[in-house]
Amino acid sequence: MHTLLLTLLVIVSIALIIVVLLQSGKSAGLSGAISGGAEQLFGKQKARGIDLVLHRVTVVLAILFFALTIAVSYFGL
């Protein structure tokens, strides 16, 4: 059981890294962080297309990562 969970954790970790690296940047340097951050914070620019899909996949993989990490630590004892 521990080996199966550990293997799944490694696969989810690699997938999470790949999905995060595929996402586009949200700001263009320091000027984008100051001026463009407020627009994204209040929802004027909504994610569309592949960005929305990548965002949802990232959330699902992050939840799986935390659940598998807790399961590996529980069953590893």
PDB file of N, CA and C in Angstrom:
ATOM      1  N   MET A   1       0.827  -1.197   0.000  1.00  0.00           N
ATOM      2  CA  MET A   1       0.000   0.000   0.000  1.00  0.00           C
ATOM      3  C   MET A   1       0.867   1.256   0.000  1.00  0.00           C
ATOM      4  N   HIS A   2       1.907   1.214   0.812  1.00  0.00           N
ATOM      5  CA  HIS A   2       2.800   2.366   0.911  1.00  0.00           C
ATOM      6  C   HIS A   2       3.510   2.621  -0.418  1.00  0.00           C
ATOM      7  N   THR A   3       3.939   1.552  -1.085  1.00  0.00           N
ATOM      8  CA  THR A   3       4.634   1.693  -2.369  1.00  0.00           C
ATOM      9  C   THR A   3       3.714   2.255  -3.448  1.00  0.00           C
ATOM     10  N   LEU A   4       2.474   1.805  -3.467  1.00  0.00           N
ATOM     11  CA  LEU A   4       1.502   2.307  -4.434  1.00  0.00           C
ATOM     12  C   LEU A   4       1.241   3.803  -4.216  1.00  0.00           C
ATOM     13  N   LEU A   5       1.042   4.193  -2.967  1.00  0.00           N
ATOM     14  CA  LEU A   5       0.798   5.611  -2.665  1.00  0.00           C
ATOM     15  C   LEU A   5       2.016   6.466  -2.996  1.00  0.00           C
ATOM     16  N   LEU A   6       3.186   5.951  -2.719  1.00  0.00           N
ATOM     17  CA  LEU A   6       4.407   6.702  -3.014  1.00  0.00           C
ATOM     18  C   LEU A   6       4.602   6.860  -4.517  1.00  0.00           C
ATOM     19  N   THR A   7       4.273   5.832  -5.292  1.00  0.00           N
ATOM     20  CA  THR A   7       4.371   5.920  -6.749  1.00  0.00           C
ATOM     21  C   THR A   7       3.375   6.932  -7.301  1.00  0.00           C
ATOM     22  N   LEU A   8       2.143   6.904  -6.795  1.00  0.00           N
ATOM     23  CA  LEU A   8       1.148   7.887  -7.208  1.00  0.00           C
ATOM     24  C   LEU A   8       1.565   9.307  -6.835  1.00  0.00           C
ATOM     25  N   LEU A   9       2.182   9.456  -5.679  1.00  0.00           N
ATOM     26  CA  LEU A   9       2.645  10.774  -5.244  1.00  0.00           C
ATOM     27  C   LEU A   9       3.720  11.323  -6.177  1.00  0.00           C
ATOM     28  N   VAL A  10       4.623  10.477  -6.621  1.00  0.00           N
ATOM     29  CA  VAL A  10       5.668  10.915  -7.550  1.00  0.00           C
ATOM     30  C   VAL A  10       5.064  11.310  -8.888  1.00  0.00           C
ATOM     31  N   ILE A  11       4.099  10.529  -9.377  1.00  0.00           N
ATOM     32  CA  ILE A  11       3.454  10.845 -10.657  1.00  0.00           C
ATOM     33  C   ILE A  11       2.684  12.154 -10.572  1.00  0.00           C
ATOM     34  N   VAL A  12       1.927  12.351  -9.488  1.00  0.00           N
ATOM     35  CA  VAL A  12       1.165  13.595  -9.310  1.00  0.00           C
ATOM     36  C   VAL A  12       2.105  14.783  -9.157  1.00  0.00           C
ATOM     37  N   SER A  13       3.220  14.597  -8.476  1.00  0.00           N
ATOM     38  CA  SER A  13       4.184  15.688  -8.302  1.00  0.00           C
ATOM     39  C   SER A  13       4.774  16.128  -9.635  1.00  0.00           C
ATOM     40  N   ILE A  14       5.155  15.178 -10.456  1.00  0.00           N
ATOM     41  CA  ILE A  14       5.713  15.513 -11.770  1.00  0.00           C
ATOM     42  C   ILE A  14       4.659  16.191 -12.641  1.00  0.00           C
ATOM     43  N   ALA A  15       3.425  15.684 -12.609  1.00  0.00           N
ATOM     44  CA  ALA A  15       2.347  16.298 -13.386  1.00  0.00           C
ATOM     45  C   ALA A  15       2.062  17.717 -12.911  1.00  0.00           C
ATOM     46  N   LEU A  16       2.102  17.937 -11.605  1.00  0.00           N
ATOM     47  CA  LEU A  16       1.866  19.271 -11.053  1.00  0.00           C
ATOM     48  C   LEU A  16       2.953  20.249 -11.487  1.00  0.00           C
ATOM     49  N   ILE A  17       4.192  19.807 -11.489  1.00  0.00           N
ATOM     50  CA  ILE A  17       5.296  20.658 -11.940  1.00  0.00           C
ATOM     51  C   ILE A  17       5.121  21.023 -13.412  1.00  0.00           C
ATOM     52  N   ILE A  18       4.754  20.051 -14.233  1.00  0.00           N
ATOM     53  CA  ILE A  18       4.584  20.302 -15.670  1.00  0.00           C
ATOM     54  C   ILE A  18       3.436  21.275 -15.918  1.00  0.00           C
ATOM     55  N   VAL A  19       2.311  21.091 -15.231  1.00  0.00           N
ATOM     56  CA  VAL A  19       1.156  21.961 -15.443  1.00  0.00           C
ATOM     57  C   VAL A  19       1.451  23.389 -14.997  1.00  0.00           C
ATOM     58  N   VAL A  20       2.168  23.542 -13.890  1.00  0.00           N
ATOM     59  CA  VAL A  20       2.511  24.885 -13.425  1.00  0.00           C
ATOM     60  C   VAL A  20       3.455  25.568 -14.411  1.00  0.00           C
ATOM     61  N   LEU A  21       4.393  24.836 -14.968  1.00  0.00           N
ATOM     62  CA  LEU A  21       5.316  25.432 -15.939  1.00  0.00           C
ATOM     63  C   LEU A  21       4.639  25.764 -17.268  1.00  0.00           C
ATOM     64  N   LEU A  22       3.554  25.083 -17.601  1.00  0.00           N
ATOM     65  CA  LEU A  22       2.840  25.369 -18.845  1.00  0.00           C
ATOM     66  C   LEU A  22       1.980  26.629 -18.768  1.00  0.00           C
ATOM     67  N   GLN A  23       1.660  27.077 -17.567  1.00  0.00           N
ATOM     68  CA  GLN A  23       0.798  28.245 -17.424  1.00  0.00           C
ATOM     69  C   GLN A  23       1.525  29.504 -17.854  1.00  0.00           C
ATOM     70  N   SER A  24       0.749  30.433 -18.404  1.00  0.00           N
ATOM     71  CA  SER A  24       1.339  31.696 -18.831  1.00  0.00           C
ATOM     72  C   SER A  24       1.514  32.622 -17.644  1.00  0.00           C
ATOM     73  N   GLY A  25       2.454  33.545 -17.769  1.00  0.00           N
ATOM     74  CA  GLY A  25       2.705  34.499 -16.711  1.00  0.00           C
ATOM     75  C   GLY A  25       1.560  35.483 -16.570  1.00  0.00           C
ATOM     76  N   LYS A  26       1.283  35.926 -15.352  1.00  0.00           N
ATOM     77  CA  LYS A  26       0.170  36.835 -15.118  1.00  0.00           C
ATOM     78  C   LYS A  26       0.589  38.298 -15.131  1.00  0.00           C
ATOM     79  N   SER A  27       1.866  38.581 -15.045  1.00  0.00           N
ATOM     80  CA  SER A  27       2.301  39.975 -15.051  1.00  0.00           C
ATOM     81  C   SER A  27       3.564  40.106 -15.897  1.00  0.00           C
ATOM     82  N   ALA A  28       3.834  41.330 -16.319  1.00  0.00           N
ATOM     83  CA  ALA A  28       5.010  41.600 -17.137  1.00  0.00           C
ATOM     84  C   ALA A  28       6.026  42.378 -16.320  1.00  0.00           C
ATOM     85  N   GLY A  29       6.679  41.699 -15.421  1.00  0.00           N
ATOM     86  CA  GLY A  29       7.693  42.361 -14.612  1.00  0.00           C
ATOM     87  C   GLY A  29       7.111  43.179 -13.473  1.00  0.00           C
ATOM     88  N   LEU A  30       7.894  44.125 -12.997  1.00  0.00           N
ATOM     89  CA  LEU A  30       7.493  44.927 -11.850  1.00  0.00           C
ATOM     90  C   LEU A  30       6.349  45.868 -12.186  1.00  0.00           C
ATOM     91  N   SER A  31       6.332  46.430 -13.373  1.00  0.00           N
ATOM     92  CA  SER A  31       5.247  47.351 -13.737  1.00  0.00           C
ATOM     93  C   SER A  31       3.918  46.606 -13.852  1.00  0.00           C
ATOM     94  N   GLY A  32       3.945  45.387 -14.320  1.00  0.00           N
ATOM     95  CA  GLY A  32       2.720  44.600 -14.392  1.00  0.00           C
ATOM     96  C   GLY A  32       2.231  44.176 -13.028  1.00  0.00           C
ATOM     97  N   ALA A  33       3.163  43.977 -12.106  1.00  0.00           N
ATOM     98  CA  ALA A  33       2.764  43.595 -10.758  1.00  0.00           C
ATOM     99  C   ALA A  33       2.098  44.753 -10.030  1.00  0.00           C
ATOM    100  N   ILE A  34       2.510  45.973 -10.331  1.00  0.00           N
ATOM    101  CA  ILE A  34       1.934  47.137  -9.655  1.00  0.00           C
ATOM    102  C   ILE A  34       0.615  47.540 -10.300  1.00  0.00           C
ATOM    103  N   SER A  35       0.592  47.689 -11.610  1.00  0.00           N
ATOM    104  CA  SER A  35      -0.614  48.188 -12.267  1.00  0.00           C
ATOM    105  C   SER A  35      -1.580  47.079 -12.657  1.00  0.00           C
ATOM    106  N   GLY A  36      -1.089  45.957 -13.137  1.00  0.00           N
ATOM    107  CA  GLY A  36      -1.971  44.908 -13.629  1.00  0.00           C
ATOM    108  C   GLY A  36      -2.510  43.998 -12.557  1.00  0.00           C
ATOM    109  N   GLY A  37      -1.902  43.991 -11.398  1.00  0.00           N
ATOM    110  CA  GLY A  37      -2.354  43.115 -10.333  1.00  0.00           C
ATOM    111  C   GLY A  37      -3.721  43.474  -9.802  1.00  0.00           C
ATOM    112  N   ALA A  38      -4.046  44.750  -9.748  1.00  0.00           N
ATOM    113  CA  ALA A  38      -5.343  45.164  -9.230  1.00  0.00           C
ATOM    114  C   ALA A  38      -6.466  44.760 -10.175  1.00  0.00           C
ATOM    115  N   GLU A  39      -6.216  44.796 -11.474  1.00  0.00           N
ATOM    116  CA  GLU A  39      -7.245  44.399 -12.430  1.00  0.00           C
ATOM    117  C   GLU A  39      -7.562  42.914 -12.307  1.00  0.00           C
ATOM    118  N   GLN A  40      -6.553  42.103 -12.121  1.00  0.00           N
ATOM    119  CA  GLN A  40      -6.787  40.675 -11.990  1.00  0.00           C
ATOM    120  C   GLN A  40      -7.391  40.349 -10.636  1.00  0.00           C
ATOM    121  N   LEU A  41      -7.085  41.133  -9.632  1.00  0.00           N
ATOM    122  CA  LEU A  41      -7.591  40.874  -8.300  1.00  0.00           C
ATOM    123  C   LEU A  41      -9.101  41.050  -8.246  1.00  0.00           C
ATOM    124  N   PHE A  42      -9.616  42.039  -8.931  1.00  0.00           N
ATOM    125  CA  PHE A  42     -11.046  42.314  -8.893  1.00  0.00           C
ATOM    126  C   PHE A  42     -11.806  41.646 -10.023  1.00  0.00           C
ATOM    127  N   GLY A  43     -11.169  40.797 -10.796  1.00  0.00           N
ATOM    128  CA  GLY A  43     -11.855  39.958 -11.768  1.00  0.00           C
ATOM    129  C   GLY A  43     -12.189  40.613 -13.088  1.00  0.00           C
ATOM    130  N   LYS A  44     -11.488  41.638 -13.489  1.00  0.00           N
ATOM    131  CA  LYS A  44     -11.782  42.254 -14.778  1.00  0.00           C
ATOM    132  C   LYS A  44     -11.279  41.397 -15.932  1.00  0.00           C
ATOM    133  N   GLN A  45     -10.225  40.639 -15.692  1.00  0.00           N
ATOM    134  CA  GLN A  45      -9.688  39.764 -16.732  1.00  0.00           C
ATOM    135  C   GLN A  45      -9.943  38.323 -16.306  1.00  0.00           C
ATOM    136  N   LYS A  46     -10.842  37.675 -16.979  1.00  0.00           N
ATOM    137  CA  LYS A  46     -11.153  36.294 -16.638  1.00  0.00           C
ATOM    138  C   LYS A  46     -10.338  35.358 -17.521  1.00  0.00           C
ATOM    139  N   ALA A  47      -9.952  34.254 -16.947  1.00  0.00           N
ATOM    140  CA  ALA A  47      -9.176  33.269 -17.705  1.00  0.00           C
ATOM    141  C   ALA A  47     -10.082  32.579 -18.717  1.00  0.00           C
ATOM    142  N   ARG A  48      -9.555  32.368 -19.893  1.00  0.00           N
ATOM    143  CA  ARG A  48     -10.327  31.725 -20.951  1.00  0.00           C
ATOM    144  C   ARG A  48      -9.474  30.651 -21.615  1.00  0.00           C
ATOM    145  N   GLY A  49     -10.150  29.677 -22.151  1.00  0.00           N
ATOM    146  CA  GLY A  49      -9.498  28.665 -22.956  1.00  0.00           C
ATOM    147  C   GLY A  49      -8.558  27.784 -22.175  1.00  0.00           C
ATOM    148  N   ILE A  50      -7.346  27.682 -22.684  1.00  0.00           N
ATOM    149  CA  ILE A  50      -6.364  26.769 -22.105  1.00  0.00           C
ATOM    150  C   ILE A  50      -5.912  27.225 -20.719  1.00  0.00           C
ATOM    151  N   ASP A  51      -5.919  28.527 -20.466  1.00  0.00           N
ATOM    152  CA  ASP A  51      -5.541  29.009 -19.134  1.00  0.00           C
ATOM    153  C   ASP A  51      -6.516  28.537 -18.071  1.00  0.00           C
ATOM    154  N   LEU A  52      -7.799  28.529 -18.403  1.00  0.00           N
ATOM    155  CA  LEU A  52      -8.813  28.059 -17.463  1.00  0.00           C
ATOM    156  C   LEU A  52      -8.659  26.565 -17.207  1.00  0.00           C
ATOM    157  N   VAL A  53      -8.402  25.806 -18.254  1.00  0.00           N
ATOM    158  CA  VAL A  53      -8.207  24.363 -18.105  1.00  0.00           C
ATOM    159  C   VAL A  53      -6.978  24.080 -17.254  1.00  0.00           C
ATOM    160  N   LEU A  54      -5.883  24.779 -17.527  1.00  0.00           N
ATOM    161  CA  LEU A  54      -4.663  24.571 -16.753  1.00  0.00           C
ATOM    162  C   LEU A  54      -4.847  24.964 -15.292  1.00  0.00           C
ATOM    163  N   HIS A  55      -5.633  26.001 -15.053  1.00  0.00           N
ATOM    164  CA  HIS A  55      -5.896  26.424 -13.674  1.00  0.00           C
ATOM    165  C   HIS A  55      -6.675  25.349 -12.928  1.00  0.00           C
ATOM    166  N   ARG A  56      -7.699  24.796 -13.568  1.00  0.00           N
ATOM    167  CA  ARG A  56      -8.500  23.755 -12.912  1.00  0.00           C
ATOM    168  C   ARG A  56      -7.700  22.478 -12.690  1.00  0.00           C
ATOM    169  N   VAL A  57      -6.872  22.109 -13.664  1.00  0.00           N
ATOM    170  CA  VAL A  57      -6.028  20.920 -13.509  1.00  0.00           C
ATOM    171  C   VAL A  57      -5.025  21.129 -12.379  1.00  0.00           C
ATOM    172  N   THR A  58      -4.498  22.344 -12.248  1.00  0.00           N
ATOM    173  CA  THR A  58      -3.564  22.645 -11.172  1.00  0.00           C
ATOM    174  C   THR A  58      -4.225  22.497  -9.810  1.00  0.00           C
ATOM    175  N   VAL A  59      -5.449  22.980  -9.688  1.00  0.00           N
ATOM    176  CA  VAL A  59      -6.168  22.862  -8.415  1.00  0.00           C
ATOM    177  C   VAL A  59      -6.416  21.403  -8.057  1.00  0.00           C
ATOM    178  N   VAL A  60      -6.840  20.610  -9.041  1.00  0.00           N
ATOM    179  CA  VAL A  60      -7.106  19.194  -8.791  1.00  0.00           C
ATOM    180  C   VAL A  60      -5.818  18.460  -8.414  1.00  0.00           C
ATOM    181  N   LEU A  61      -4.747  18.731  -9.128  1.00  0.00           N
ATOM    182  CA  LEU A  61      -3.472  18.071  -8.821  1.00  0.00           C
ATOM    183  C   LEU A  61      -2.928  18.497  -7.462  1.00  0.00           C
ATOM    184  N   ALA A  62      -3.133  19.744  -7.087  1.00  0.00           N
ATOM    185  CA  ALA A  62      -2.674  20.203  -5.773  1.00  0.00           C
ATOM    186  C   ALA A  62      -3.440  19.504  -4.655  1.00  0.00           C
ATOM    187  N   ILE A  63      -4.744  19.341  -4.823  1.00  0.00           N
ATOM    188  CA  ILE A  63      -5.542  18.632  -3.816  1.00  0.00           C
ATOM    189  C   ILE A  63      -5.105  17.173  -3.727  1.00  0.00           C
ATOM    190  N   LEU A  64      -4.881  16.542  -4.882  1.00  0.00           N
ATOM    191  CA  LEU A  64      -4.379  15.166  -4.877  1.00  0.00           C
ATOM    192  C   LEU A  64      -3.009  15.059  -4.220  1.00  0.00           C
ATOM    193  N   PHE A  65      -2.158  16.041  -4.476  1.00  0.00           N
ATOM    194  CA  PHE A  65      -0.821  16.040  -3.882  1.00  0.00           C
ATOM    195  C   PHE A  65      -0.893  16.061  -2.354  1.00  0.00           C
ATOM    196  N   PHE A  66      -1.720  16.956  -1.815  1.00  0.00           N
ATOM    197  CA  PHE A  66      -1.824  17.042  -0.359  1.00  0.00           C
ATOM    198  C   PHE A  66      -2.473  15.796   0.235  1.00  0.00           C
ATOM    199  N   ALA A  67      -3.489  15.259  -0.425  1.00  0.00           N
ATOM    200  CA  ALA A  67      -4.141  14.048   0.079  1.00  0.00           C
ATOM    201  C   ALA A  67      -3.179  12.859   0.052  1.00  0.00           C
ATOM    202  N   LEU A  68      -2.431  12.721  -1.029  1.00  0.00           N
ATOM    203  CA  LEU A  68      -1.473  11.617  -1.109  1.00  0.00           C
ATOM    204  C   LEU A  68      -0.327  11.780  -0.123  1.00  0.00           C
ATOM    205  N   THR A  69       0.103  13.014   0.107  1.00  0.00           N
ATOM    206  CA  THR A  69       1.170  13.246   1.079  1.00  0.00           C
ATOM    207  C   THR A  69       0.730  12.847   2.480  1.00  0.00           C
ATOM    208  N   ILE A  70      -0.493  13.200   2.833  1.00  0.00           N
ATOM    209  CA  ILE A  70      -1.020  12.816   4.147  1.00  0.00           C
ATOM    210  C   ILE A  70      -1.185  11.301   4.233  1.00  0.00           C
ATOM    211  N   ALA A  71      -1.661  10.677   3.152  1.00  0.00           N
ATOM    212  CA  ALA A  71      -1.843   9.222   3.148  1.00  0.00           C
ATOM    213  C   ALA A  71      -0.503   8.496   3.257  1.00  0.00           C
ATOM    214  N   VAL A  72       0.514   8.981   2.555  1.00  0.00           N
ATOM    215  CA  VAL A  72       1.838   8.338   2.630  1.00  0.00           C
ATOM    216  C   VAL A  72       2.408   8.467   4.038  1.00  0.00           C
ATOM    217  N   SER A  73       2.239   9.608   4.651  1.00  0.00           N
ATOM    218  CA  SER A  73       2.764   9.773   6.017  1.00  0.00           C
ATOM    219  C   SER A  73       1.974   8.924   7.019  1.00  0.00           C
ATOM    220  N   TYR A  74       0.676   8.734   6.784  1.00  0.00           N
ATOM    221  CA  TYR A  74      -0.146   7.924   7.691  1.00  0.00           C
ATOM    222  C   TYR A  74       0.181   6.442   7.567  1.00  0.00           C
ATOM    223  N   PHE A  75       0.251   5.945   6.327  1.00  0.00           N
ATOM    224  CA  PHE A  75       0.508   4.524   6.120  1.00  0.00           C
ATOM    225  C   PHE A  75       1.987   4.158   6.182  1.00  0.00           C
ATOM    226  N   GLY A  76       2.859   5.147   6.209  1.00  0.00           N
ATOM    227  CA  GLY A  76       4.284   4.890   6.267  1.00  0.00           C
ATOM    228  C   GLY A  76       4.774   4.536   7.664  1.00  0.00           C
ATOM    229  N   LEU A  77       3.953   4.775   8.651  1.00  0.00           N
ATOM    230  CA  LEU A  77       4.376   4.500  10.022  1.00  0.00           C
ATOM    231  C   LEU A  77       4.237   3.085  10.402  1.00  0.00           C
TER     232      LEU A  77
END
